């Protein structure tokens, strides 16, 4: 039996009105960094990635700066935060600054 695609399972389409609704709801701030968002510097992502059991619907979509979208990919939010903590801790050790 052939594997069904996400599109076969769900009919939701992320539209421009959804984008602008999220942009307003998030007060034009990245959902993960708080950086200022513009239509030019942001992208929509799934909070819980589809390959990790997330759903393709508006309740699982948020707007983030493009760099975060590239970094996050299939990570859960908490996994991304943990990765960032490790990165910063390693950077502080390399620079000779004390770890907190």
PDB file of N, CA and C in Angstrom:
ATOM      1  N   UNK A   1       0.839  -1.185   0.000  1.00  0.00           N
ATOM      2  CA  UNK A   1       0.000   0.000   0.000  1.00  0.00           C
ATOM      3  C   UNK A   1       0.884   1.248   0.000  1.00  0.00           C
ATOM      4  N   UNK A   2       0.602   2.173  -0.877  1.00  0.00           N
ATOM      5  CA  UNK A   2       1.390   3.410  -0.987  1.00  0.00           C
ATOM      6  C   UNK A   2       1.122   4.317   0.206  1.00  0.00           C
ATOM      7  N   UNK A   3       2.156   5.012   0.612  1.00  0.00           N
ATOM      8  CA  UNK A   3       2.041   5.966   1.711  1.00  0.00           C
ATOM      9  C   UNK A   3       1.236   7.180   1.263  1.00  0.00           C
ATOM     10  N   UNK A   4       0.294   7.607   2.083  1.00  0.00           N
ATOM     11  CA  UNK A   4      -0.496   8.794   1.757  1.00  0.00           C
ATOM     12  C   UNK A   4       0.271  10.038   2.160  1.00  0.00           C
ATOM     13  N   UNK A   5       0.185  11.058   1.357  1.00  0.00           N
ATOM     14  CA  UNK A   5       0.873  12.311   1.659  1.00  0.00           C
ATOM     15  C   UNK A   5       0.057  13.127   2.646  1.00  0.00           C
ATOM     16  N   UNK A   6       0.701  14.114   3.256  1.00  0.00           N
ATOM     17  CA  UNK A   6       0.022  15.031   4.169  1.00  0.00           C
ATOM     18  C   UNK A   6      -1.152  15.686   3.449  1.00  0.00           C
ATOM     19  N   UNK A   7      -0.966  16.048   2.199  1.00  0.00           N
ATOM     20  CA  UNK A   7      -2.023  16.716   1.429  1.00  0.00           C
ATOM     21  C   UNK A   7      -3.255  15.821   1.310  1.00  0.00           C
ATOM     22  N   UNK A   8      -3.047  14.497   1.173  1.00  0.00           N
ATOM     23  CA  UNK A   8      -4.179  13.577   1.099  1.00  0.00           C
ATOM     24  C   UNK A   8      -4.964  13.549   2.405  1.00  0.00           C
ATOM     25  N   UNK A   9      -4.277  13.722   3.512  1.00  0.00           N
ATOM     26  CA  UNK A   9      -4.904  13.600   4.826  1.00  0.00           C
ATOM     27  C   UNK A   9      -5.608  14.873   5.267  1.00  0.00           C
ATOM     28  N   UNK A  10      -5.133  16.013   4.828  1.00  0.00           N
ATOM     29  CA  UNK A  10      -5.677  17.276   5.311  1.00  0.00           C
ATOM     30  C   UNK A  10      -5.840  18.249   4.156  1.00  0.00           C
ATOM     31  N   UNK A  11      -6.909  19.011   4.217  1.00  0.00           N
ATOM     32  CA  UNK A  11      -7.204  19.946   3.139  1.00  0.00           C
ATOM     33  C   UNK A  11      -6.783  21.378   3.439  1.00  0.00           C
ATOM     34  N   UNK A  12      -6.234  21.638   4.622  1.00  0.00           N
ATOM     35  CA  UNK A  12      -5.911  23.007   5.013  1.00  0.00           C
ATOM     36  C   UNK A  12      -4.854  23.607   4.091  1.00  0.00           C
ATOM     37  N   UNK A  13      -5.066  24.854   3.690  1.00  0.00           N
ATOM     38  CA  UNK A  13      -4.094  25.615   2.914  1.00  0.00           C
ATOM     39  C   UNK A  13      -3.797  26.902   3.667  1.00  0.00           C
ATOM     40  N   UNK A  14      -2.516  27.161   3.934  1.00  0.00           N
ATOM     41  CA  UNK A  14      -2.093  28.390   4.611  1.00  0.00           C
ATOM     42  C   UNK A  14      -2.188  29.523   3.600  1.00  0.00           C
ATOM     43  N   UNK A  15      -3.035  30.494   3.892  1.00  0.00           N
ATOM     44  CA  UNK A  15      -3.301  31.584   2.951  1.00  0.00           C
ATOM     45  C   UNK A  15      -2.717  32.900   3.451  1.00  0.00           C
ATOM     46  N   UNK A  16      -2.697  33.888   2.583  1.00  0.00           N
ATOM     47  CA  UNK A  16      -2.177  35.213   2.939  1.00  0.00           C
ATOM     48  C   UNK A  16      -2.910  35.787   4.141  1.00  0.00           C
ATOM     49  N   UNK A  17      -4.222  35.601   4.221  1.00  0.00           N
ATOM     50  CA  UNK A  17      -4.976  36.136   5.366  1.00  0.00           C
ATOM     51  C   UNK A  17      -4.512  35.483   6.666  1.00  0.00           C
ATOM     52  N   UNK A  18      -4.143  34.193   6.620  1.00  0.00           N
ATOM     53  CA  UNK A  18      -3.615  33.508   7.800  1.00  0.00           C
ATOM     54  C   UNK A  18      -2.274  34.115   8.204  1.00  0.00           C
ATOM     55  N   UNK A  19      -1.439  34.385   7.209  1.00  0.00           N
ATOM     56  CA  UNK A  19      -0.134  34.998   7.462  1.00  0.00           C
ATOM     57  C   UNK A  19      -0.301  36.326   8.200  1.00  0.00           C
ATOM     58  N   UNK A  20      -1.146  37.199   7.678  1.00  0.00           N
ATOM     59  CA  UNK A  20      -1.316  38.521   8.290  1.00  0.00           C
ATOM     60  C   UNK A  20      -2.026  38.439   9.637  1.00  0.00           C
ATOM     61  N   UNK A  21      -2.894  37.450   9.815  1.00  0.00           N
ATOM     62  CA  UNK A  21      -3.534  37.236  11.118  1.00  0.00           C
ATOM     63  C   UNK A  21      -2.484  36.840  12.155  1.00  0.00           C
ATOM     64  N   UNK A  22      -1.595  35.908  11.786  1.00  0.00           N
ATOM     65  CA  UNK A  22      -0.520  35.500  12.695  1.00  0.00           C
ATOM     66  C   UNK A  22       0.438  36.653  12.974  1.00  0.00           C
ATOM     67  N   UNK A  23       0.781  37.397  11.950  1.00  0.00           N
ATOM     68  CA  UNK A  23       1.687  38.536  12.117  1.00  0.00           C
ATOM     69  C   UNK A  23       1.122  39.512  13.144  1.00  0.00           C
ATOM     70  N   UNK A  24      -0.171  39.780  13.057  1.00  0.00           N
ATOM     71  CA  UNK A  24      -0.819  40.678  14.019  1.00  0.00           C
ATOM     72  C   UNK A  24      -0.906  40.028  15.400  1.00  0.00           C
ATOM     73  N   UNK A  25      -1.302  38.770  15.463  1.00  0.00           N
ATOM     74  CA  UNK A  25      -1.433  38.065  16.742  1.00  0.00           C
ATOM     75  C   UNK A  25      -0.092  38.006  17.480  1.00  0.00           C
ATOM     76  N   UNK A  26       0.987  37.835  16.725  1.00  0.00           N
ATOM     77  CA  UNK A  26       2.323  37.760  17.323  1.00  0.00           C
ATOM     78  C   UNK A  26       2.943  39.142  17.504  1.00  0.00           C
ATOM     79  N   UNK A  27       2.174  40.181  17.272  1.00  0.00           N
ATOM     80  CA  UNK A  27       2.632  41.567  17.409  1.00  0.00           C
ATOM     81  C   UNK A  27       3.899  41.825  16.605  1.00  0.00           C
ATOM     82  N   UNK A  28       3.946  41.232  15.414  1.00  0.00           N
ATOM     83  CA  UNK A  28       5.066  41.377  14.481  1.00  0.00           C
ATOM     84  C   UNK A  28       6.402  40.970  15.093  1.00  0.00           C
ATOM     85  N   UNK A  29       6.360  39.946  15.949  1.00  0.00           N
ATOM     86  CA  UNK A  29       7.561  39.423  16.608  1.00  0.00           C
ATOM     87  C   UNK A  29       7.709  37.937  16.313  1.00  0.00           C
ATOM     88  N   UNK A  30       8.951  37.496  16.147  1.00  0.00           N
ATOM     89  CA  UNK A  30       9.249  36.082  15.942  1.00  0.00           C
ATOM     90  C   UNK A  30       8.760  35.293  17.158  1.00  0.00           C
ATOM     91  N   UNK A  31       8.083  34.189  16.914  1.00  0.00           N
ATOM     92  CA  UNK A  31       7.543  33.370  17.996  1.00  0.00           C
ATOM     93  C   UNK A  31       8.635  32.745  18.863  1.00  0.00           C
ATOM     94  N   UNK A  32       9.845  32.606  18.349  1.00  0.00           N
ATOM     95  CA  UNK A  32      10.911  31.952  19.103  1.00  0.00           C
ATOM     96  C   UNK A  32      12.015  32.888  19.580  1.00  0.00           C
ATOM     97  N   UNK A  33      12.250  33.997  18.895  1.00  0.00           N
ATOM     98  CA  UNK A  33      13.337  34.902  19.304  1.00  0.00           C
ATOM     99  C   UNK A  33      12.851  36.259  19.779  1.00  0.00           C
ATOM    100  N   UNK A  34      11.648  36.633  19.408  1.00  0.00           N
ATOM    101  CA  UNK A  34      11.145  37.964  19.736  1.00  0.00           C
ATOM    102  C   UNK A  34      11.641  39.047  18.792  1.00  0.00           C
ATOM    103  N   UNK A  35      12.421  38.672  17.789  1.00  0.00           N
ATOM    104  CA  UNK A  35      12.906  39.668  16.817  1.00  0.00           C
ATOM    105  C   UNK A  35      11.750  40.232  16.001  1.00  0.00           C
ATOM    106  N   UNK A  36      11.942  41.455  15.517  1.00  0.00           N
ATOM    107  CA  UNK A  36      10.934  42.120  14.690  1.00  0.00           C
ATOM    108  C   UNK A  36      10.723  41.346  13.389  1.00  0.00           C
ATOM    109  N   UNK A  37       9.469  41.129  13.023  1.00  0.00           N
ATOM    110  CA  UNK A  37       9.134  40.441  11.775  1.00  0.00           C
ATOM    111  C   UNK A  37       8.598  41.416  10.746  1.00  0.00           C
ATOM    112  N   UNK A  38       8.942  41.160   9.513  1.00  0.00           N
ATOM    113  CA  UNK A  38       8.339  41.848   8.373  1.00  0.00           C
ATOM    114  C   UNK A  38       7.962  40.755   7.377  1.00  0.00           C
ATOM    115  N   UNK A  39       7.092  41.042   6.431  1.00  0.00           N
ATOM    116  CA  UNK A  39       6.779  40.019   5.433  1.00  0.00           C
ATOM    117  C   UNK A  39       8.020  39.539   4.668  1.00  0.00           C
ATOM    118  N   UNK A  40       9.054  40.356   4.618  1.00  0.00           N
ATOM    119  CA  UNK A  40      10.266  39.999   3.866  1.00  0.00           C
ATOM    120  C   UNK A  40      11.233  39.114   4.645  1.00  0.00           C
ATOM    121  N   UNK A  41      11.231  39.161   5.985  1.00  0.00           N
ATOM    122  CA  UNK A  41      12.254  38.437   6.741  1.00  0.00           C
ATOM    123  C   UNK A  41      11.721  37.224   7.493  1.00  0.00           C
ATOM    124  N   UNK A  42      10.466  36.865   7.273  1.00  0.00           N
ATOM    125  CA  UNK A  42       9.922  35.776   8.074  1.00  0.00           C
ATOM    126  C   UNK A  42       9.309  34.682   7.221  1.00  0.00           C
ATOM    127  N   UNK A  43       9.064  33.580   7.893  1.00  0.00           N
ATOM    128  CA  UNK A  43       8.428  32.434   7.251  1.00  0.00           C
ATOM    129  C   UNK A  43       7.554  31.726   8.271  1.00  0.00           C
ATOM    130  N   UNK A  44       6.601  30.976   7.782  1.00  0.00           N
ATOM    131  CA  UNK A  44       5.716  30.197   8.647  1.00  0.00           C
ATOM    132  C   UNK A  44       6.311  28.803   8.837  1.00  0.00           C
ATOM    133  N   UNK A  45       6.256  28.313  10.070  1.00  0.00           N
ATOM    134  CA  UNK A  45       6.735  26.962  10.370  1.00  0.00           C
ATOM    135  C   UNK A  45       5.685  26.237  11.203  1.00  0.00           C
ATOM    136  N   UNK A  46       5.820  24.928  11.274  1.00  0.00           N
ATOM    137  CA  UNK A  46       4.991  24.124  12.167  1.00  0.00           C
ATOM    138  C   UNK A  46       5.683  24.084  13.528  1.00  0.00           C
ATOM    139  N   UNK A  47       4.964  24.455  14.592  1.00  0.00           N
ATOM    140  CA  UNK A  47       5.545  24.401  15.948  1.00  0.00           C
ATOM    141  C   UNK A  47       5.993  22.974  16.240  1.00  0.00           C
ATOM    142  N   UNK A  48       5.096  22.029  16.048  1.00  0.00           N
ATOM    143  CA  UNK A  48       5.464  20.620  16.129  1.00  0.00           C
ATOM    144  C   UNK A  48       5.579  20.137  14.687  1.00  0.00           C
ATOM    145  N   UNK A  49       6.799  19.815  14.247  1.00  0.00           N
ATOM    146  CA  UNK A  49       7.000  19.426  12.853  1.00  0.00           C
ATOM    147  C   UNK A  49       6.097  18.261  12.436  1.00  0.00           C
ATOM    148  N   UNK A  50       5.685  18.265  11.183  1.00  0.00           N
ATOM    149  CA  UNK A  50       4.810  17.208  10.673  1.00  0.00           C
ATOM    150  C   UNK A  50       5.433  15.835  10.873  1.00  0.00           C
ATOM    151  N   UNK A  51       6.727  15.719  10.637  1.00  0.00           N
ATOM    152  CA  UNK A  51       7.386  14.416  10.780  1.00  0.00           C
ATOM    153  C   UNK A  51       7.509  13.976  12.231  1.00  0.00           C
ATOM    154  N   UNK A  52       7.167  14.884  13.156  1.00  0.00           N
ATOM    155  CA  UNK A  52       7.185  14.558  14.584  1.00  0.00           C
ATOM    156  C   UNK A  52       5.766  14.451  15.144  1.00  0.00           C
ATOM    157  N   UNK A  53       4.776  14.351  14.247  1.00  0.00           N
ATOM    158  CA  UNK A  53       3.395  14.165  14.675  1.00  0.00           C
ATOM    159  C   UNK A  53       2.553  15.425  14.684  1.00  0.00           C
ATOM    160  N   UNK A  54       3.126  16.546  14.252  1.00  0.00           N
ATOM    161  CA  UNK A  54       2.375  17.797  14.200  1.00  0.00           C
ATOM    162  C   UNK A  54       1.315  17.772  13.115  1.00  0.00           C
ATOM    163  N   UNK A  55       0.366  18.668  13.245  1.00  0.00           N
ATOM    164  CA  UNK A  55      -0.719  18.750  12.272  1.00  0.00           C
ATOM    165  C   UNK A  55      -0.526  19.966  11.380  1.00  0.00           C
ATOM    166  N   UNK A  56      -1.064  19.873  10.176  1.00  0.00           N
ATOM    167  CA  UNK A  56      -0.978  20.997   9.245  1.00  0.00           C
ATOM    168  C   UNK A  56      -2.259  21.805   9.359  1.00  0.00           C
ATOM    169  N   UNK A  57      -2.318  22.621  10.422  1.00  0.00           N
ATOM    170  CA  UNK A  57      -3.450  23.519  10.619  1.00  0.00           C
ATOM    171  C   UNK A  57      -2.945  24.778  11.310  1.00  0.00           C
ATOM    172  N   UNK A  58      -3.748  25.806  11.293  1.00  0.00           N
ATOM    173  CA  UNK A  58      -3.317  27.117  11.783  1.00  0.00           C
ATOM    174  C   UNK A  58      -2.871  27.081  13.240  1.00  0.00           C
ATOM    175  N   UNK A  59      -3.463  26.216  14.057  1.00  0.00           N
ATOM    176  CA  UNK A  59      -3.092  26.165  15.475  1.00  0.00           C
ATOM    177  C   UNK A  59      -1.674  25.642  15.688  1.00  0.00           C
ATOM    178  N   UNK A  60      -1.073  25.017  14.686  1.00  0.00           N
ATOM    179  CA  UNK A  60       0.289  24.486  14.795  1.00  0.00           C
ATOM    180  C   UNK A  60       1.281  25.283  13.951  1.00  0.00           C
ATOM    181  N   UNK A  61       0.884  26.454  13.495  1.00  0.00           N
ATOM    182  CA  UNK A  61       1.753  27.273  12.651  1.00  0.00           C
ATOM    183  C   UNK A  61       2.076  28.576  13.368  1.00  0.00           C
ATOM    184  N   UNK A  62       3.331  28.994  13.268  1.00  0.00           N
ATOM    185  CA  UNK A  62       3.745  30.291  13.808  1.00  0.00           C
ATOM    186  C   UNK A  62       4.719  30.927  12.824  1.00  0.00           C
ATOM    187  N   UNK A  63       4.984  32.201  13.033  1.00  0.00           N
ATOM    188  CA  UNK A  63       5.915  32.937  12.177  1.00  0.00           C
ATOM    189  C   UNK A  63       7.232  33.135  12.909  1.00  0.00           C
ATOM    190  N   UNK A  64       8.325  32.912  12.197  1.00  0.00           N
ATOM    191  CA  UNK A  64       9.661  33.081  12.756  1.00  0.00           C
ATOM    192  C   UNK A  64      10.557  33.749  11.723  1.00  0.00           C
ATOM    193  N   UNK A  65      11.686  34.298  12.191  1.00  0.00           N
ATOM    194  CA  UNK A  65      12.661  34.830  11.244  1.00  0.00           C
ATOM    195  C   UNK A  65      13.247  33.656  10.458  1.00  0.00           C
ATOM    196  N   UNK A  66      13.623  33.918   9.231  1.00  0.00           N
ATOM    197  CA  UNK A  66      14.080  32.871   8.315  1.00  0.00           C
ATOM    198  C   UNK A  66      15.225  32.035   8.892  1.00  0.00           C
ATOM    199  N   UNK A  67      16.156  32.669   9.585  1.00  0.00           N
ATOM    200  CA  UNK A  67      17.304  31.937  10.139  1.00  0.00           C
ATOM    201  C   UNK A  67      16.852  30.871  11.133  1.00  0.00           C
ATOM    202  N   UNK A  68      15.855  31.185  11.934  1.00  0.00           N
ATOM    203  CA  UNK A  68      15.339  30.215  12.904  1.00  0.00           C
ATOM    204  C   UNK A  68      14.649  29.066  12.181  1.00  0.00           C
ATOM    205  N   UNK A  69      13.918  29.369  11.131  1.00  0.00           N
ATOM    206  CA  UNK A  69      13.249  28.312  10.362  1.00  0.00           C
ATOM    207  C   UNK A  69      14.277  27.324   9.818  1.00  0.00           C
ATOM    208  N   UNK A  70      15.401  27.837   9.336  1.00  0.00           N
ATOM    209  CA  UNK A  70      16.451  26.966   8.801  1.00  0.00           C
ATOM    210  C   UNK A  70      17.067  26.119   9.905  1.00  0.00           C
ATOM    211  N   UNK A  71      17.233  26.690  11.084  1.00  0.00           N
ATOM    212  CA  UNK A  71      17.835  25.982  12.208  1.00  0.00           C
ATOM    213  C   UNK A  71      16.874  24.961  12.815  1.00  0.00           C
ATOM    214  N   UNK A  72      15.629  25.332  12.968  1.00  0.00           N
ATOM    215  CA  UNK A  72      14.651  24.486  13.668  1.00  0.00           C
ATOM    216  C   UNK A  72      14.288  23.227  12.884  1.00  0.00           C
ATOM    217  N   UNK A  73      13.945  23.360  11.646  1.00  0.00           N
ATOM    218  CA  UNK A  73      13.530  22.266  10.760  1.00  0.00           C
ATOM    219  C   UNK A  73      12.681  21.216  11.475  1.00  0.00           C
ATOM    220  N   UNK A  74      13.235  20.075  11.865  1.00  0.00           N
ATOM    221  CA  UNK A  74      12.425  19.014  12.465  1.00  0.00           C
ATOM    222  C   UNK A  74      12.539  18.951  13.985  1.00  0.00           C
ATOM    223  N   UNK A  75      13.136  19.972  14.585  1.00  0.00           N
ATOM    224  CA  UNK A  75      13.262  19.988  16.042  1.00  0.00           C
ATOM    225  C   UNK A  75      11.984  20.497  16.698  1.00  0.00           C
ATOM    226  N   UNK A  76      11.703  19.985  17.889  1.00  0.00           N
ATOM    227  CA  UNK A  76      10.660  20.566  18.727  1.00  0.00           C
ATOM    228  C   UNK A  76      11.239  21.829  19.352  1.00  0.00           C
ATOM    229  N   UNK A  77      10.382  22.742  19.796  1.00  0.00           N
ATOM    230  CA  UNK A  77      10.863  23.996  20.389  1.00  0.00           C
ATOM    231  C   UNK A  77      11.870  23.734  21.506  1.00  0.00           C
ATOM    232  N   UNK A  78      11.546  22.819  22.420  1.00  0.00           N
ATOM    233  CA  UNK A  78      12.433  22.541  23.555  1.00  0.00           C
ATOM    234  C   UNK A  78      13.780  21.988  23.102  1.00  0.00           C
ATOM    235  N   UNK A  79      13.800  21.208  22.046  1.00  0.00           N
ATOM    236  CA  UNK A  79      15.063  20.687  21.519  1.00  0.00           C
ATOM    237  C   UNK A  79      15.910  21.816  20.944  1.00  0.00           C
ATOM    238  N   UNK A  80      15.270  22.769  20.300  1.00  0.00           N
ATOM    239  CA  UNK A  80      15.985  23.930  19.771  1.00  0.00           C
ATOM    240  C   UNK A  80      16.581  24.751  20.910  1.00  0.00           C
ATOM    241  N   UNK A  81      15.784  24.983  21.966  1.00  0.00           N
ATOM    242  CA  UNK A  81      16.278  25.756  23.112  1.00  0.00           C
ATOM    243  C   UNK A  81      17.471  25.051  23.754  1.00  0.00           C
ATOM    244  N   UNK A  82      17.384  23.737  23.902  1.00  0.00           N
ATOM    245  CA  UNK A  82      18.472  22.966  24.497  1.00  0.00           C
ATOM    246  C   UNK A  82      19.737  23.064  23.643  1.00  0.00           C
ATOM    247  N   UNK A  83      19.581  22.969  22.340  1.00  0.00           N
ATOM    248  CA  UNK A  83      20.712  23.106  21.422  1.00  0.00           C
ATOM    249  C   UNK A  83      21.360  24.481  21.564  1.00  0.00           C
ATOM    250  N   UNK A  84      20.534  25.520  21.662  1.00  0.00           N
ATOM    251  CA  UNK A  84      21.056  26.885  21.820  1.00  0.00           C
ATOM    252  C   UNK A  84      21.791  27.047  23.145  1.00  0.00           C
ATOM    253  N   UNK A  85      21.255  26.450  24.210  1.00  0.00           N
ATOM    254  CA  UNK A  85      21.935  26.509  25.508  1.00  0.00           C
ATOM    255  C   UNK A  85      23.306  25.853  25.426  1.00  0.00           C
ATOM    256  N   UNK A  86      23.377  24.684  24.785  1.00  0.00           N
ATOM    257  CA  UNK A  86      24.661  23.994  24.627  1.00  0.00           C
ATOM    258  C   UNK A  86      25.633  24.833  23.810  1.00  0.00           C
ATOM    259  N   UNK A  87      25.141  25.427  22.739  1.00  0.00           N
ATOM    260  CA  UNK A  87      25.974  26.265  21.884  1.00  0.00           C
ATOM    261  C   UNK A  87      26.549  27.441  22.679  1.00  0.00           C
ATOM    262  N   UNK A  88      25.706  28.113  23.447  1.00  0.00           N
ATOM    263  CA  UNK A  88      26.170  29.256  24.238  1.00  0.00           C
ATOM    264  C   UNK A  88      27.134  28.828  25.336  1.00  0.00           C
ATOM    265  N   UNK A  89      26.841  27.720  26.004  1.00  0.00           N
ATOM    266  CA  UNK A  89      27.733  27.228  27.055  1.00  0.00           C
ATOM    267  C   UNK A  89      29.099  26.897  26.472  1.00  0.00           C
ATOM    268  N   UNK A  90      29.127  26.249  25.324  1.00  0.00           N
ATOM    269  CA  UNK A  90      30.388  25.901  24.665  1.00  0.00           C
ATOM    270  C   UNK A  90      31.140  27.164  24.242  1.00  0.00           C
ATOM    271  N   UNK A  91      30.429  28.129  23.725  1.00  0.00           N
ATOM    272  CA  UNK A  91      31.040  29.385  23.282  1.00  0.00           C
ATOM    273  C   UNK A  91      31.681  30.115  24.451  1.00  0.00           C
ATOM    274  N   UNK A  92      30.995  30.157  25.604  1.00  0.00           N
ATOM    275  CA  UNK A  92      31.548  30.832  26.776  1.00  0.00           C
ATOM    276  C   UNK A  92      32.809  30.132  27.267  1.00  0.00           C
ATOM    277  N   UNK A  93      32.838  28.807  27.240  1.00  0.00           N
ATOM    278  CA  UNK A  93      34.022  28.060  27.660  1.00  0.00           C
ATOM    279  C   UNK A  93      35.174  28.349  26.707  1.00  0.00           C
ATOM    280  N   UNK A  94      34.910  28.356  25.402  1.00  0.00           N
ATOM    281  CA  UNK A  94      35.947  28.642  24.406  1.00  0.00           C
ATOM    282  C   UNK A  94      36.536  30.034  24.575  1.00  0.00           C
ATOM    283  N   UNK A  95      35.711  30.988  24.955  1.00  0.00           N
ATOM    284  CA  UNK A  95      36.156  32.379  25.093  1.00  0.00           C
ATOM    285  C   UNK A  95      36.784  32.649  26.451  1.00  0.00           C
ATOM    286  N   UNK A  96      36.821  31.655  27.308  1.00  0.00           N
ATOM    287  CA  UNK A  96      37.402  31.841  28.626  1.00  0.00           C
ATOM    288  C   UNK A  96      36.489  32.553  29.601  1.00  0.00           C
ATOM    289  N   UNK A  97      35.240  32.674  29.259  1.00  0.00           N
ATOM    290  CA  UNK A  97      34.289  33.309  30.162  1.00  0.00           C
ATOM    291  C   UNK A  97      33.665  32.229  31.035  1.00  0.00           C
ATOM    292  N   UNK A  98      33.397  32.549  32.292  1.00  0.00           N
ATOM    293  CA  UNK A  98      32.825  31.532  33.184  1.00  0.00           C
ATOM    294  C   UNK A  98      31.420  31.122  32.747  1.00  0.00           C
ATOM    295  N   UNK A  99      31.153  29.842  32.935  1.00  0.00           N
ATOM    296  CA  UNK A  99      29.818  29.309  32.685  1.00  0.00           C
ATOM    297  C   UNK A  99      28.933  29.644  33.870  1.00  0.00           C
ATOM    298  N   UNK A 100      27.727  30.064  33.617  1.00  0.00           N
ATOM    299  CA  UNK A 100      26.812  30.378  34.724  1.00  0.00           C
ATOM    300  C   UNK A 100      25.986  29.180  35.064  1.00  0.00           C
TER     301      UNK A 100
END
